[in-house]
């Protein structure tokens, strides 16, 4: 299981967002804030893509925007193939060091 700390906001909202932890395990994606579970989905139920403002997760009709410090590692783990240029460079650097 991999865990990532992030800031979460809904698409279209301004501000820093709320602190969350993202857990990737057994083909699932879970997001919690403190003791509150925001969501726990099968990866087949969500769409994940990268944009210049963060990692976008679409689930249950909502679009969440995640700001992760370890965004390149997260992007590689979830299998993203397309990303903005800066994120692509960080992903490539990680792949070279592995």
N, C-alpha and C. Protein backbone atom coordinates (compact mmCIF):
# COMPACT_ATOMS: atom_id res chain seq x y z
N UNK A 1 0.85 -1.18 0.00
CA UNK A 1 0.00 0.00 0.00
C UNK A 1 0.89 1.24 0.00
N UNK A 2 0.56 2.19 -0.85
CA UNK A 2 1.26 3.47 -0.89
C UNK A 2 0.33 4.55 -0.38
N UNK A 3 0.90 5.50 0.35
CA UNK A 3 0.13 6.63 0.87
C UNK A 3 0.79 7.92 0.41
N UNK A 4 -0.05 8.89 0.11
CA UNK A 4 0.41 10.20 -0.35
C UNK A 4 -0.35 11.27 0.40
N UNK A 5 0.36 12.27 0.88
CA UNK A 5 -0.29 13.43 1.48
C UNK A 5 -0.59 14.43 0.37
N UNK A 6 -1.75 15.06 0.47
CA UNK A 6 -2.16 15.99 -0.58
C UNK A 6 -3.08 17.05 0.01
N UNK A 7 -3.39 18.01 -0.83
CA UNK A 7 -4.42 18.99 -0.55
C UNK A 7 -5.53 18.74 -1.57
N UNK A 8 -6.78 18.74 -1.12
CA UNK A 8 -7.91 18.42 -1.99
C UNK A 8 -8.87 19.60 -2.05
N UNK A 9 -9.33 19.87 -3.26
CA UNK A 9 -10.41 20.85 -3.45
C UNK A 9 -11.28 20.36 -4.59
N UNK A 10 -12.49 20.86 -4.65
CA UNK A 10 -13.37 20.55 -5.76
C UNK A 10 -13.00 21.43 -6.95
N UNK A 11 -13.21 20.91 -8.14
CA UNK A 11 -12.93 21.67 -9.35
C UNK A 11 -13.72 22.97 -9.31
N UNK A 12 -13.06 24.08 -9.60
CA UNK A 12 -13.70 25.38 -9.61
C UNK A 12 -13.59 26.14 -8.30
N UNK A 13 -13.17 25.46 -7.23
CA UNK A 13 -12.98 26.14 -5.94
C UNK A 13 -11.61 26.78 -5.89
N UNK A 14 -11.52 27.90 -5.21
CA UNK A 14 -10.25 28.56 -4.98
C UNK A 14 -9.77 28.22 -3.58
N UNK A 15 -8.52 28.52 -3.32
CA UNK A 15 -7.99 28.31 -1.98
C UNK A 15 -7.12 27.09 -1.90
N UNK A 16 -6.56 26.88 -0.72
CA UNK A 16 -5.58 25.81 -0.56
C UNK A 16 -6.17 24.39 -0.48
N UNK A 17 -7.43 24.24 -0.24
CA UNK A 17 -8.02 22.91 -0.11
C UNK A 17 -7.84 22.37 1.29
N UNK A 18 -8.29 21.13 1.47
CA UNK A 18 -8.17 20.48 2.79
C UNK A 18 -7.08 19.42 2.74
N UNK A 19 -6.37 19.23 3.83
CA UNK A 19 -5.33 18.19 3.84
C UNK A 19 -5.97 16.80 3.84
N UNK A 20 -5.45 15.93 2.99
CA UNK A 20 -5.95 14.56 2.89
C UNK A 20 -4.79 13.59 2.75
N UNK A 21 -5.11 12.32 2.96
CA UNK A 21 -4.18 11.23 2.70
C UNK A 21 -4.83 10.34 1.65
N UNK A 22 -4.06 10.02 0.63
CA UNK A 22 -4.53 9.15 -0.45
C UNK A 22 -3.86 7.80 -0.27
N UNK A 23 -4.66 6.75 -0.20
CA UNK A 23 -4.13 5.39 -0.08
C UNK A 23 -4.42 4.63 -1.36
N UNK A 24 -3.38 4.05 -1.93
CA UNK A 24 -3.52 3.18 -3.09
C UNK A 24 -3.23 1.76 -2.62
N UNK A 25 -4.23 0.89 -2.74
CA UNK A 25 -4.07 -0.49 -2.28
C UNK A 25 -5.01 -1.39 -3.05
N UNK A 26 -4.55 -2.57 -3.36
CA UNK A 26 -5.41 -3.60 -3.96
C UNK A 26 -6.34 -3.06 -5.04
N UNK A 27 -5.82 -2.28 -5.96
CA UNK A 27 -6.61 -1.72 -7.05
C UNK A 27 -7.74 -0.82 -6.55
N UNK A 28 -7.51 -0.15 -5.41
CA UNK A 28 -8.47 0.80 -4.85
C UNK A 28 -7.78 2.12 -4.59
N UNK A 29 -8.58 3.18 -4.56
CA UNK A 29 -8.10 4.51 -4.22
C UNK A 29 -8.97 5.02 -3.08
N UNK A 30 -8.34 5.29 -1.94
CA UNK A 30 -9.06 5.82 -0.79
C UNK A 30 -8.54 7.19 -0.43
N UNK A 31 -9.44 8.08 -0.05
CA UNK A 31 -9.05 9.43 0.37
C UNK A 31 -9.70 9.70 1.72
N UNK A 32 -8.85 10.09 2.69
CA UNK A 32 -9.34 10.42 4.02
C UNK A 32 -8.78 11.78 4.44
N UNK A 33 -9.54 12.44 5.30
CA UNK A 33 -9.09 13.69 5.92
C UNK A 33 -9.26 13.49 7.42
N UNK A 34 -8.14 13.30 8.11
CA UNK A 34 -8.22 12.97 9.53
C UNK A 34 -8.90 11.62 9.67
N UNK A 35 -9.96 11.57 10.43
CA UNK A 35 -10.72 10.33 10.63
C UNK A 35 -11.90 10.20 9.66
N UNK A 36 -12.08 11.19 8.79
CA UNK A 36 -13.23 11.21 7.88
C UNK A 36 -12.85 10.61 6.53
N UNK A 37 -13.62 9.60 6.11
CA UNK A 37 -13.40 9.01 4.79
C UNK A 37 -14.15 9.83 3.75
N UNK A 38 -13.40 10.38 2.82
CA UNK A 38 -14.01 11.15 1.73
C UNK A 38 -14.48 10.22 0.63
N UNK A 39 -13.72 9.19 0.37
CA UNK A 39 -14.12 8.22 -0.66
C UNK A 39 -13.20 7.02 -0.66
N UNK A 40 -13.75 5.92 -1.14
CA UNK A 40 -12.99 4.68 -1.31
C UNK A 40 -13.58 4.00 -2.54
N UNK A 41 -12.82 4.04 -3.63
CA UNK A 41 -13.32 3.55 -4.90
C UNK A 41 -12.39 2.52 -5.50
N UNK A 42 -12.97 1.63 -6.28
CA UNK A 42 -12.18 0.78 -7.16
C UNK A 42 -11.56 1.71 -8.20
N UNK A 43 -10.34 1.43 -8.61
CA UNK A 43 -9.71 2.29 -9.62
C UNK A 43 -10.48 2.27 -10.93
N UNK A 44 -11.24 1.21 -11.17
CA UNK A 44 -12.05 1.14 -12.39
C UNK A 44 -13.21 2.13 -12.33
N UNK A 45 -13.58 2.59 -11.12
CA UNK A 45 -14.70 3.52 -10.95
C UNK A 45 -14.30 4.99 -11.11
N UNK A 46 -13.01 5.26 -11.14
CA UNK A 46 -12.55 6.65 -11.20
C UNK A 46 -11.73 6.90 -12.45
N UNK A 47 -11.68 8.16 -12.83
CA UNK A 47 -10.83 8.60 -13.94
C UNK A 47 -9.81 9.56 -13.35
N UNK A 48 -8.55 9.30 -13.61
CA UNK A 48 -7.48 10.12 -13.07
C UNK A 48 -6.68 10.70 -14.23
N UNK A 49 -6.47 12.01 -14.19
CA UNK A 49 -5.62 12.64 -15.19
C UNK A 49 -4.89 13.81 -14.56
N UNK A 50 -3.82 14.22 -15.20
CA UNK A 50 -3.01 15.34 -14.69
C UNK A 50 -3.28 16.58 -15.52
N UNK A 51 -3.33 17.71 -14.84
CA UNK A 51 -3.48 18.99 -15.51
C UNK A 51 -2.51 19.96 -14.83
N UNK A 52 -2.40 21.15 -15.35
CA UNK A 52 -1.44 22.10 -14.78
C UNK A 52 -1.77 22.49 -13.34
N UNK A 53 -3.04 22.37 -12.94
CA UNK A 53 -3.42 22.75 -11.58
C UNK A 53 -3.43 21.58 -10.60
N UNK A 54 -3.04 20.39 -11.04
CA UNK A 54 -2.97 19.25 -10.13
C UNK A 54 -3.47 17.97 -10.78
N UNK A 55 -3.60 16.95 -9.96
CA UNK A 55 -4.12 15.66 -10.40
C UNK A 55 -5.64 15.69 -10.23
N UNK A 56 -6.36 15.40 -11.30
CA UNK A 56 -7.83 15.42 -11.27
C UNK A 56 -8.34 13.99 -11.12
N UNK A 57 -9.26 13.81 -10.18
CA UNK A 57 -9.90 12.52 -9.95
C UNK A 57 -11.39 12.72 -10.13
N UNK A 58 -11.98 11.99 -11.07
CA UNK A 58 -13.42 12.04 -11.30
C UNK A 58 -14.04 10.79 -10.71
N UNK A 59 -14.99 10.99 -9.80
CA UNK A 59 -15.68 9.87 -9.16
C UNK A 59 -17.07 10.32 -8.74
N UNK A 60 -18.03 9.48 -8.98
CA UNK A 60 -19.42 9.71 -8.55
C UNK A 60 -19.94 11.08 -8.97
N UNK A 61 -19.60 11.52 -10.17
CA UNK A 61 -20.11 12.77 -10.68
C UNK A 61 -19.39 14.02 -10.17
N UNK A 62 -18.38 13.86 -9.36
CA UNK A 62 -17.61 14.99 -8.84
C UNK A 62 -16.20 14.95 -9.43
N UNK A 63 -15.58 16.11 -9.50
CA UNK A 63 -14.19 16.17 -9.93
C UNK A 63 -13.38 16.81 -8.82
N UNK A 64 -12.45 16.04 -8.27
CA UNK A 64 -11.58 16.48 -7.20
C UNK A 64 -10.23 16.87 -7.80
N UNK A 65 -9.62 17.91 -7.25
CA UNK A 65 -8.29 18.31 -7.69
C UNK A 65 -7.34 18.11 -6.52
N UNK A 66 -6.30 17.32 -6.75
CA UNK A 66 -5.32 17.00 -5.72
C UNK A 66 -4.01 17.70 -6.02
N UNK A 67 -3.45 18.31 -5.00
CA UNK A 67 -2.12 18.92 -5.10
C UNK A 67 -1.21 18.06 -4.23
N UNK A 68 -0.33 17.30 -4.88
CA UNK A 68 0.56 16.38 -4.18
C UNK A 68 2.00 16.84 -4.31
N UNK A 69 2.75 16.75 -3.23
CA UNK A 69 4.17 17.04 -3.32
C UNK A 69 4.88 15.95 -4.12
N UNK A 70 4.46 14.72 -3.98
CA UNK A 70 5.05 13.59 -4.70
C UNK A 70 4.17 13.23 -5.91
N UNK A 71 3.81 14.24 -6.70
CA UNK A 71 2.89 14.04 -7.81
C UNK A 71 3.44 13.10 -8.88
N UNK A 72 4.73 13.16 -9.16
CA UNK A 72 5.31 12.29 -10.20
C UNK A 72 5.24 10.83 -9.78
N UNK A 73 5.55 10.57 -8.52
CA UNK A 73 5.49 9.19 -8.02
C UNK A 73 4.05 8.67 -8.08
N UNK A 74 3.10 9.51 -7.66
CA UNK A 74 1.68 9.14 -7.72
C UNK A 74 1.26 8.87 -9.16
N UNK A 75 1.63 9.76 -10.07
CA UNK A 75 1.25 9.62 -11.47
C UNK A 75 1.77 8.30 -12.05
N UNK A 76 2.99 7.95 -11.73
CA UNK A 76 3.54 6.68 -12.22
C UNK A 76 2.81 5.50 -11.61
N UNK A 77 2.51 5.58 -10.33
CA UNK A 77 1.85 4.45 -9.66
C UNK A 77 0.44 4.20 -10.19
N UNK A 78 -0.28 5.26 -10.54
CA UNK A 78 -1.64 5.06 -11.08
C UNK A 78 -1.64 4.85 -12.58
N UNK A 79 -0.45 4.91 -13.20
CA UNK A 79 -0.35 4.59 -14.62
C UNK A 79 -0.68 5.71 -15.58
N UNK A 80 -0.51 6.97 -15.15
CA UNK A 80 -0.77 8.08 -16.07
C UNK A 80 0.25 8.06 -17.20
N UNK A 81 -0.22 8.29 -18.40
CA UNK A 81 0.65 8.31 -19.57
C UNK A 81 0.78 9.71 -20.16
N UNK A 82 -0.16 10.58 -19.83
CA UNK A 82 -0.11 11.96 -20.32
C UNK A 82 -0.12 12.90 -19.13
N UNK A 83 0.68 13.96 -19.24
CA UNK A 83 0.77 14.94 -18.17
C UNK A 83 1.35 16.22 -18.74
N UNK A 84 1.17 17.33 -18.02
CA UNK A 84 1.81 18.57 -18.44
C UNK A 84 3.34 18.40 -18.46
N UNK A 85 4.04 19.22 -19.24
CA UNK A 85 5.48 19.03 -19.43
C UNK A 85 6.31 18.94 -18.15
N UNK A 86 6.06 19.80 -17.18
CA UNK A 86 6.86 19.77 -15.96
C UNK A 86 6.68 18.45 -15.21
N UNK A 87 5.45 17.99 -15.10
CA UNK A 87 5.19 16.71 -14.44
C UNK A 87 5.80 15.56 -15.25
N UNK A 88 5.71 15.61 -16.56
CA UNK A 88 6.32 14.55 -17.39
C UNK A 88 7.82 14.47 -17.15
N UNK A 89 8.48 15.62 -17.02
CA UNK A 89 9.92 15.60 -16.76
C UNK A 89 10.23 14.96 -15.41
N UNK A 90 9.44 15.28 -14.39
CA UNK A 90 9.66 14.66 -13.06
C UNK A 90 9.39 13.16 -13.11
N UNK A 91 8.38 12.75 -13.88
CA UNK A 91 8.09 11.32 -14.03
C UNK A 91 9.25 10.61 -14.73
N UNK A 92 9.77 11.23 -15.79
CA UNK A 92 10.90 10.64 -16.53
C UNK A 92 12.12 10.53 -15.63
N UNK A 93 12.36 11.52 -14.82
CA UNK A 93 13.50 11.48 -13.91
C UNK A 93 13.37 10.32 -12.92
N UNK A 94 12.17 10.12 -12.39
CA UNK A 94 11.93 9.00 -11.48
C UNK A 94 12.15 7.66 -12.18
N UNK A 95 11.68 7.55 -13.40
CA UNK A 95 11.85 6.29 -14.14
C UNK A 95 13.33 6.01 -14.41
N UNK A 96 14.12 7.04 -14.65
CA UNK A 96 15.55 6.85 -14.89
C UNK A 96 16.29 6.41 -13.65
N UNK A 97 15.84 6.86 -12.47
CA UNK A 97 16.54 6.52 -11.24
C UNK A 97 16.13 5.15 -10.70
N UNK A 98 15.05 4.59 -11.18
CA UNK A 98 14.61 3.26 -10.71
C UNK A 98 15.35 2.14 -11.39
